Amino acid sequence: MNKEELIAKLKVIIRPYTANNEAYDNLTENTDFIKDLEINSANLVDIVLDIEENFDVVIDNTDMERMLDVKTAVEIIETKLAAK
């Protein structure tokens, strides 16, 4: 799975939790989940759980705390997929 495919899949996962539709439509690697998409911290946990389920990976607390933007999320997912 290349980075563009991964971001497309991630975008589908975060859609239900996004409050700012304009930021969602213009999502890039630099998009911040909380500041740009206005996703609350409780929903970030739901997103991590959805990522684990969709990508069949386990994300530990350290990685979860770092997962605040698209770029970091993609890096973490790529690392977890490569380790499988």
PDB file of N, CA and C in Angstrom:
ATOM      1  N   MET A   1       0.859  -1.177   0.000  1.00  0.00           N
ATOM      2  CA  MET A   1       0.000   0.000   0.000  1.00  0.00           C
ATOM      3  C   MET A   1       0.906   1.241   0.000  1.00  0.00           C
ATOM      4  N   ASN A   2       0.715   2.106  -0.982  1.00  0.00           N
ATOM      5  CA  ASN A   2       1.543   3.311  -1.028  1.00  0.00           C
ATOM      6  C   ASN A   2       0.937   4.410  -0.140  1.00  0.00           C
ATOM      7  N   LYS A   3       1.676   5.505   0.008  1.00  0.00           N
ATOM      8  CA  LYS A   3       1.277   6.577   0.927  1.00  0.00           C
ATOM      9  C   LYS A   3      -0.064   7.193   0.535  1.00  0.00           C
ATOM     10  N   GLU A   4      -0.296   7.388  -0.765  1.00  0.00           N
ATOM     11  CA  GLU A   4      -1.556   7.983  -1.217  1.00  0.00           C
ATOM     12  C   GLU A   4      -2.743   7.085  -0.878  1.00  0.00           C
ATOM     13  N   GLU A   5      -2.572   5.778  -1.071  1.00  0.00           N
ATOM     14  CA  GLU A   5      -3.641   4.824  -0.728  1.00  0.00           C
ATOM     15  C   GLU A   5      -3.894   4.815   0.781  1.00  0.00           C
ATOM     16  N   LEU A   6      -2.823   4.893   1.534  1.00  0.00           N
ATOM     17  CA  LEU A   6      -2.937   4.902   2.985  1.00  0.00           C
ATOM     18  C   LEU A   6      -3.677   6.156   3.460  1.00  0.00           C
ATOM     19  N   ILE A   7      -3.322   7.309   2.883  1.00  0.00           N
ATOM     20  CA  ILE A   7      -4.000   8.559   3.259  1.00  0.00           C
ATOM     21  C   ILE A   7      -5.473   8.498   2.862  1.00  0.00           C
ATOM     22  N   ALA A   8      -5.779   7.933   1.698  1.00  0.00           N
ATOM     23  CA  ALA A   8      -7.180   7.810   1.260  1.00  0.00           C
ATOM     24  C   ALA A   8      -7.974   6.944   2.235  1.00  0.00           C
ATOM     25  N   LYS A   9      -7.372   5.851   2.695  1.00  0.00           N
ATOM     26  CA  LYS A   9      -8.047   4.970   3.654  1.00  0.00           C
ATOM     27  C   LYS A   9      -8.206   5.668   5.005  1.00  0.00           C
ATOM     28  N   LEU A  10      -7.174   6.399   5.419  1.00  0.00           N
ATOM     29  CA  LEU A  10      -7.234   7.151   6.668  1.00  0.00           C
ATOM     30  C   LEU A  10      -8.317   8.221   6.606  1.00  0.00           C
ATOM     31  N   LYS A  11      -8.452   8.854   5.457  1.00  0.00           N
ATOM     32  CA  LYS A  11      -9.454   9.906   5.276  1.00  0.00           C
ATOM     33  C   LYS A  11     -10.868   9.349   5.476  1.00  0.00           C
ATOM     34  N   VAL A  12     -11.113   8.148   4.980  1.00  0.00           N
ATOM     35  CA  VAL A  12     -12.418   7.505   5.173  1.00  0.00           C
ATOM     36  C   VAL A  12     -12.668   7.231   6.664  1.00  0.00           C
ATOM     37  N   ILE A  13     -11.613   6.820   7.371  1.00  0.00           N
ATOM     38  CA  ILE A  13     -11.740   6.500   8.795  1.00  0.00           C
ATOM     39  C   ILE A  13     -12.078   7.748   9.610  1.00  0.00           C
ATOM     40  N   ILE A  14     -11.432   8.874   9.308  1.00  0.00           N
ATOM     41  CA  ILE A  14     -11.624  10.064  10.134  1.00  0.00           C
ATOM     42  C   ILE A  14     -12.868  10.871   9.776  1.00  0.00           C
ATOM     43  N   ARG A  15     -13.472  10.600   8.627  1.00  0.00           N
ATOM     44  CA  ARG A  15     -14.623  11.390   8.152  1.00  0.00           C
ATOM     45  C   ARG A  15     -15.742  11.540   9.180  1.00  0.00           C
ATOM     46  N   PRO A  16     -16.202  10.463   9.824  1.00  0.00           N
ATOM     47  CA  PRO A  16     -17.330  10.606  10.760  1.00  0.00           C
ATOM     48  C   PRO A  16     -17.034  11.491  11.979  1.00  0.00           C
ATOM     49  N   TYR A  17     -15.757  11.711  12.264  1.00  0.00           N
ATOM     50  CA  TYR A  17     -15.372  12.448  13.465  1.00  0.00           C
ATOM     51  C   TYR A  17     -15.014  13.909  13.176  1.00  0.00           C
ATOM     52  N   THR A  18     -14.997  14.278  11.900  1.00  0.00           N
ATOM     53  CA  THR A  18     -14.544  15.604  11.489  1.00  0.00           C
ATOM     54  C   THR A  18     -15.631  16.655  11.653  1.00  0.00           C
ATOM     55  N   ALA A  19     -15.287  17.769  12.309  1.00  0.00           N
ATOM     56  CA  ALA A  19     -16.233  18.871  12.490  1.00  0.00           C
ATOM     57  C   ALA A  19     -16.050  19.956  11.424  1.00  0.00           C
ATOM     58  N   ASN A  20     -14.842  20.060  10.860  1.00  0.00           N
ATOM     59  CA  ASN A  20     -14.552  21.101   9.880  1.00  0.00           C
ATOM     60  C   ASN A  20     -14.477  20.475   8.486  1.00  0.00           C
ATOM     61  N   ASN A  21     -15.582  20.575   7.742  1.00  0.00           N
ATOM     62  CA  ASN A  21     -15.652  19.934   6.435  1.00  0.00           C
ATOM     63  C   ASN A  21     -14.702  20.550   5.414  1.00  0.00           C
ATOM     64  N   GLU A  22     -14.486  21.852   5.498  1.00  0.00           N
ATOM     65  CA  GLU A  22     -13.577  22.507   4.547  1.00  0.00           C
ATOM     66  C   GLU A  22     -12.143  21.988   4.727  1.00  0.00           C
ATOM     67  N   ALA A  23     -11.705  21.879   5.962  1.00  0.00           N
ATOM     68  CA  ALA A  23     -10.369  21.343   6.234  1.00  0.00           C
ATOM     69  C   ALA A  23     -10.285  19.887   5.792  1.00  0.00           C
ATOM     70  N   TYR A  24     -11.358  19.131   5.993  1.00  0.00           N
ATOM     71  CA  TYR A  24     -11.386  17.735   5.564  1.00  0.00           C
ATOM     72  C   TYR A  24     -11.242  17.634   4.047  1.00  0.00           C
ATOM     73  N   ASP A  25     -11.972  18.480   3.325  1.00  0.00           N
ATOM     74  CA  ASP A  25     -11.909  18.455   1.860  1.00  0.00           C
ATOM     75  C   ASP A  25     -10.533  18.824   1.345  1.00  0.00           C
ATOM     76  N   ASN A  26      -9.779  19.609   2.115  1.00  0.00           N
ATOM     77  CA  ASN A  26      -8.441  20.049   1.715  1.00  0.00           C
ATOM     78  C   ASN A  26      -7.341  19.344   2.505  1.00  0.00           C
ATOM     79  N   LEU A  27      -7.641  18.152   3.005  1.00  0.00           N
ATOM     80  CA  LEU A  27      -6.721  17.393   3.845  1.00  0.00           C
ATOM     81  C   LEU A  27      -5.382  17.140   3.156  1.00  0.00           C
ATOM     82  N   THR A  28      -4.300  17.391   3.886  1.00  0.00           N
ATOM     83  CA  THR A  28      -2.941  17.089   3.422  1.00  0.00           C
ATOM     84  C   THR A  28      -2.210  16.379   4.553  1.00  0.00           C
ATOM     85  N   GLU A  29      -0.949  16.047   4.321  1.00  0.00           N
ATOM     86  CA  GLU A  29      -0.154  15.423   5.381  1.00  0.00           C
ATOM     87  C   GLU A  29       0.008  16.351   6.584  1.00  0.00           C
ATOM     88  N   ASN A  30      -0.081  17.652   6.354  1.00  0.00           N
ATOM     89  CA  ASN A  30       0.116  18.623   7.426  1.00  0.00           C
ATOM     90  C   ASN A  30      -1.158  18.923   8.214  1.00  0.00           C
ATOM     91  N   THR A  31      -2.264  18.310   7.856  1.00  0.00           N
ATOM     92  CA  THR A  31      -3.529  18.554   8.548  1.00  0.00           C
ATOM     93  C   THR A  31      -3.462  18.014   9.972  1.00  0.00           C
ATOM     94  N   ASP A  32      -3.815  18.869  10.921  1.00  0.00           N
ATOM     95  CA  ASP A  32      -3.836  18.524  12.338  1.00  0.00           C
ATOM     96  C   ASP A  32      -5.249  18.061  12.698  1.00  0.00           C
ATOM     97  N   PHE A  33      -5.358  16.926  13.367  1.00  0.00           N
ATOM     98  CA  PHE A  33      -6.674  16.375  13.698  1.00  0.00           C
ATOM     99  C   PHE A  33      -7.481  17.301  14.601  1.00  0.00           C
ATOM    100  N   ILE A  34      -6.839  17.887  15.602  1.00  0.00           N
ATOM    101  CA  ILE A  34      -7.564  18.710  16.578  1.00  0.00           C
ATOM    102  C   ILE A  34      -7.739  20.140  16.083  1.00  0.00           C
ATOM    103  N   LYS A  35      -6.649  20.782  15.679  1.00  0.00           N
ATOM    104  CA  LYS A  35      -6.714  22.192  15.279  1.00  0.00           C
ATOM    105  C   LYS A  35      -7.452  22.401  13.963  1.00  0.00           C
ATOM    106  N   ASP A  36      -7.139  21.585  12.951  1.00  0.00           N
ATOM    107  CA  ASP A  36      -7.713  21.793  11.622  1.00  0.00           C
ATOM    108  C   ASP A  36      -9.064  21.110  11.449  1.00  0.00           C
ATOM    109  N   LEU A  37      -9.138  19.848  11.812  1.00  0.00           N
ATOM    110  CA  LEU A  37     -10.373  19.086  11.597  1.00  0.00           C
ATOM    111  C   LEU A  37     -11.355  19.205  12.755  1.00  0.00           C
ATOM    112  N   GLU A  38     -10.897  19.812  13.859  1.00  0.00           N
ATOM    113  CA  GLU A  38     -11.730  20.029  15.038  1.00  0.00           C
ATOM    114  C   GLU A  38     -12.291  18.724  15.608  1.00  0.00           C
ATOM    115  N   ILE A  39     -11.435  17.723  15.620  1.00  0.00           N
ATOM    116  CA  ILE A  39     -11.795  16.427  16.207  1.00  0.00           C
ATOM    117  C   ILE A  39     -11.434  16.488  17.686  1.00  0.00           C
ATOM    118  N   ASN A  40     -12.371  16.118  18.554  1.00  0.00           N
ATOM    119  CA  ASN A  40     -12.065  16.185  19.986  1.00  0.00           C
ATOM    120  C   ASN A  40     -11.224  14.981  20.423  1.00  0.00           C
ATOM    121  N   SER A  41     -10.595  15.114  21.571  1.00  0.00           N
ATOM    122  CA  SER A  41      -9.649  14.095  22.020  1.00  0.00           C
ATOM    123  C   SER A  41     -10.308  12.736  22.244  1.00  0.00           C
ATOM    124  N   ALA A  42     -11.555  12.727  22.673  1.00  0.00           N
ATOM    125  CA  ALA A  42     -12.254  11.441  22.854  1.00  0.00           C
ATOM    126  C   ALA A  42     -12.410  10.726  21.517  1.00  0.00           C
ATOM    127  N   ASN A  43     -12.706  11.492  20.479  1.00  0.00           N
ATOM    128  CA  ASN A  43     -12.848  10.887  19.160  1.00  0.00           C
ATOM    129  C   ASN A  43     -11.517  10.451  18.574  1.00  0.00           C
ATOM    130  N   LEU A  44     -10.423  11.061  19.012  1.00  0.00           N
ATOM    131  CA  LEU A  44      -9.105  10.602  18.558  1.00  0.00           C
ATOM    132  C   LEU A  44      -8.876   9.160  18.980  1.00  0.00           C
ATOM    133  N   VAL A  45      -9.343   8.816  20.160  1.00  0.00           N
ATOM    134  CA  VAL A  45      -9.222   7.431  20.633  1.00  0.00           C
ATOM    135  C   VAL A  45     -10.025   6.507  19.713  1.00  0.00           C
ATOM    136  N   ASP A  46     -11.225   6.931  19.332  1.00  0.00           N
ATOM    137  CA  ASP A  46     -12.039   6.137  18.401  1.00  0.00           C
ATOM    138  C   ASP A  46     -11.332   5.969  17.065  1.00  0.00           C
ATOM    139  N   ILE A  47     -10.683   7.018  16.601  1.00  0.00           N
ATOM    140  CA  ILE A  47      -9.951   6.955  15.326  1.00  0.00           C
ATOM    141  C   ILE A  47      -8.821   5.937  15.428  1.00  0.00           C
ATOM    142  N   VAL A  48      -8.084   5.962  16.536  1.00  0.00           N
ATOM    143  CA  VAL A  48      -6.996   5.003  16.719  1.00  0.00           C
ATOM    144  C   VAL A  48      -7.543   3.578  16.713  1.00  0.00           C
ATOM    145  N   LEU A  49      -8.649   3.356  17.397  1.00  0.00           N
ATOM    146  CA  LEU A  49      -9.264   2.018  17.410  1.00  0.00           C
ATOM    147  C   LEU A  49      -9.688   1.607  16.003  1.00  0.00           C
ATOM    148  N   ASP A  50     -10.246   2.540  15.242  1.00  0.00           N
ATOM    149  CA  ASP A  50     -10.650   2.251  13.858  1.00  0.00           C
ATOM    150  C   ASP A  50      -9.435   1.959  12.983  1.00  0.00           C
ATOM    151  N   ILE A  51      -8.348   2.687  13.197  1.00  0.00           N
ATOM    152  CA  ILE A  51      -7.110   2.441  12.446  1.00  0.00           C
ATOM    153  C   ILE A  51      -6.598   1.034  12.749  1.00  0.00           C
ATOM    154  N   GLU A  52      -6.598   0.673  14.034  1.00  0.00           N
ATOM    155  CA  GLU A  52      -6.139  -0.668  14.415  1.00  0.00           C
ATOM    156  C   GLU A  52      -6.966  -1.741  13.714  1.00  0.00           C
ATOM    157  N   GLU A  53      -8.261  -1.546  13.700  1.00  0.00           N
ATOM    158  CA  GLU A  53      -9.152  -2.525  13.081  1.00  0.00           C
ATOM    159  C   GLU A  53      -8.976  -2.575  11.563  1.00  0.00           C
ATOM    160  N   ASN A  54      -8.934  -1.422  10.911  1.00  0.00           N
ATOM    161  CA  ASN A  54      -8.860  -1.372   9.450  1.00  0.00           C
ATOM    162  C   ASN A  54      -7.516  -1.815   8.889  1.00  0.00           C
ATOM    163  N   PHE A  55      -6.445  -1.542   9.627  1.00  0.00           N
ATOM    164  CA  PHE A  55      -5.111  -1.891   9.139  1.00  0.00           C
ATOM    165  C   PHE A  55      -4.556  -3.135   9.817  1.00  0.00           C
ATOM    166  N   ASP A  56      -5.300  -3.720  10.761  1.00  0.00           N
ATOM    167  CA  ASP A  56      -4.890  -4.911  11.495  1.00  0.00           C
ATOM    168  C   ASP A  56      -3.522  -4.703  12.162  1.00  0.00           C
ATOM    169  N   VAL A  57      -3.423  -3.594  12.903  1.00  0.00           N
ATOM    170  CA  VAL A  57      -2.204  -3.271  13.639  1.00  0.00           C
ATOM    171  C   VAL A  57      -2.570  -2.942  15.088  1.00  0.00           C
ATOM    172  N   VAL A  58      -1.561  -2.916  15.951  1.00  0.00           N
ATOM    173  CA  VAL A  58      -1.749  -2.518  17.341  1.00  0.00           C
ATOM    174  C   VAL A  58      -0.946  -1.245  17.560  1.00  0.00           C
ATOM    175  N   ILE A  59      -1.612  -0.218  18.071  1.00  0.00           N
ATOM    176  CA  ILE A  59      -0.965   1.066  18.318  1.00  0.00           C
ATOM    177  C   ILE A  59      -0.849   1.259  19.828  1.00  0.00           C
ATOM    178  N   ASP A  60       0.380   1.344  20.310  1.00  0.00           N
ATOM    179  CA  ASP A  60       0.589   1.492  21.752  1.00  0.00           C
ATOM    180  C   ASP A  60       0.341   2.934  22.190  1.00  0.00           C
ATOM    181  N   ASN A  61       0.326   3.147  23.492  1.00  0.00           N
ATOM    182  CA  ASN A  61       0.004   4.469  24.043  1.00  0.00           C
ATOM    183  C   ASN A  61       0.978   5.552  23.589  1.00  0.00           C
ATOM    184  N   THR A  62       2.257   5.215  23.473  1.00  0.00           N
ATOM    185  CA  THR A  62       3.250   6.200  23.044  1.00  0.00           C
ATOM    186  C   THR A  62       2.937   6.692  21.637  1.00  0.00           C
ATOM    187  N   ASP A  63       2.652   5.768  20.731  1.00  0.00           N
ATOM    188  CA  ASP A  63       2.300   6.155  19.362  1.00  0.00           C
ATOM    189  C   ASP A  63       0.964   6.885  19.323  1.00  0.00           C
ATOM    190  N   MET A  64       0.030   6.447  20.150  1.00  0.00           N
ATOM    191  CA  MET A  64      -1.281   7.092  20.176  1.00  0.00           C
ATOM    192  C   MET A  64      -1.154   8.568  20.566  1.00  0.00           C
ATOM    193  N   GLU A  65      -0.306   8.850  21.543  1.00  0.00           N
ATOM    194  CA  GLU A  65      -0.114  10.226  21.990  1.00  0.00           C
ATOM    195  C   GLU A  65       0.530  11.097  20.913  1.00  0.00           C
ATOM    196  N   ARG A  66       1.313  10.505  20.024  1.00  0.00           N
ATOM    197  CA  ARG A  66       1.974  11.239  18.931  1.00  0.00           C
ATOM    198  C   ARG A  66       1.057  11.450  17.732  1.00  0.00           C
ATOM    199  N   MET A  67      -0.007  10.676  17.636  1.00  0.00           N
ATOM    200  CA  MET A  67      -0.846  10.662  16.443  1.00  0.00           C
ATOM    201  C   MET A  67      -1.824  11.845  16.446  1.00  0.00           C
ATOM    202  N   LEU A  68      -1.290  13.040  16.167  1.00  0.00           N
ATOM    203  CA  LEU A  68      -2.100  14.257  16.205  1.00  0.00           C
ATOM    204  C   LEU A  68      -2.295  14.893  14.833  1.00  0.00           C
ATOM    205  N   ASP A  69      -1.595  14.379  13.837  1.00  0.00           N
ATOM    206  CA  ASP A  69      -1.752  14.921  12.488  1.00  0.00           C
ATOM    207  C   ASP A  69      -1.649  13.787  11.471  1.00  0.00           C
ATOM    208  N   VAL A  70      -1.999  14.097  10.248  1.00  0.00           N
ATOM    209  CA  VAL A  70      -2.038  13.074   9.204  1.00  0.00           C
ATOM    210  C   VAL A  70      -0.654  12.482   8.958  1.00  0.00           C
ATOM    211  N   LYS A  71       0.362  13.332   8.886  1.00  0.00           N
ATOM    212  CA  LYS A  71       1.715  12.858   8.588  1.00  0.00           C
ATOM    213  C   LYS A  71       2.199  11.848   9.625  1.00  0.00           C
ATOM    214  N   THR A  72       2.031  12.177  10.898  1.00  0.00           N
ATOM    215  CA  THR A  72       2.468  11.265  11.960  1.00  0.00           C
ATOM    216  C   THR A  72       1.652   9.977  11.942  1.00  0.00           C
ATOM    217  N   ALA A  73       0.359  10.093  11.714  1.00  0.00           N
ATOM    218  CA  ALA A  73      -0.493   8.903  11.632  1.00  0.00           C
ATOM    219  C   ALA A  73      -0.018   7.974  10.515  1.00  0.00           C
ATOM    220  N   VAL A  74       0.276   8.544   9.365  1.00  0.00           N
ATOM    221  CA  VAL A  74       0.743   7.752   8.227  1.00  0.00           C
ATOM    222  C   VAL A  74       2.073   7.077   8.566  1.00  0.00           C
ATOM    223  N   GLU A  75       2.999   7.825   9.178  1.00  0.00           N
ATOM    224  CA  GLU A  75       4.298   7.244   9.546  1.00  0.00           C
ATOM    225  C   GLU A  75       4.132   6.076  10.515  1.00  0.00           C
ATOM    226  N   ILE A  76       3.258   6.249  11.498  1.00  0.00           N
ATOM    227  CA  ILE A  76       3.029   5.183  12.487  1.00  0.00           C
ATOM    228  C   ILE A  76       2.413   3.965  11.807  1.00  0.00           C
ATOM    229  N   ILE A  77       1.417   4.183  10.976  1.00  0.00           N
ATOM    230  CA  ILE A  77       0.773   3.053  10.278  1.00  0.00           C
ATOM    231  C   ILE A  77       1.764   2.353   9.375  1.00  0.00           C
ATOM    232  N   GLU A  78       2.569   3.101   8.633  1.00  0.00           N
ATOM    233  CA  GLU A  78       3.569   2.482   7.746  1.00  0.00           C
ATOM    234  C   GLU A  78       4.555   1.647   8.547  1.00  0.00           C
ATOM    235  N   THR A  79       4.996   2.163   9.690  1.00  0.00           N
ATOM    236  CA  THR A  79       5.936   1.424  10.542  1.00  0.00           C
ATOM    237  C   THR A  79       5.314   0.136  11.042  1.00  0.00           C
ATOM    238  N   LYS A  80       4.058   0.219  11.490  1.00  0.00           N
ATOM    239  CA  LYS A  80       3.370  -0.973  12.012  1.00  0.00           C
ATOM    240  C   LYS A  80       3.137  -2.008  10.908  1.00  0.00           C
ATOM    241  N   LEU A  81       2.772  -1.543   9.711  1.00  0.00           N
ATOM    242  CA  LEU A  81       2.548  -2.472   8.597  1.00  0.00           C
ATOM    243  C   LEU A  81       3.850  -3.134   8.173  1.00  0.00           C
ATOM    244  N   ALA A  82       4.941  -2.382   8.176  1.00  0.00           N
ATOM    245  CA  ALA A  82       6.249  -2.927   7.777  1.00  0.00           C
ATOM    246  C   ALA A  82       6.729  -3.977   8.767  1.00  0.00           C
ATOM    247  N   ALA A  83       6.331  -3.848  10.031  1.00  0.00           N
ATOM    248  CA  ALA A  83       6.758  -4.781  11.072  1.00  0.00           C
ATOM    249  C   ALA A  83       5.973  -6.088  11.070  1.00  0.00           C
ATOM    250  N   LYS A  84       4.906  -6.142  10.297  1.00  0.00           N
ATOM    251  CA  LYS A  84       4.064  -7.351  10.277  1.00  0.00           C
ATOM    252  C   LYS A  84       4.730  -8.481   9.524  1.00  0.00           C
TER     253      LYS A  84
END
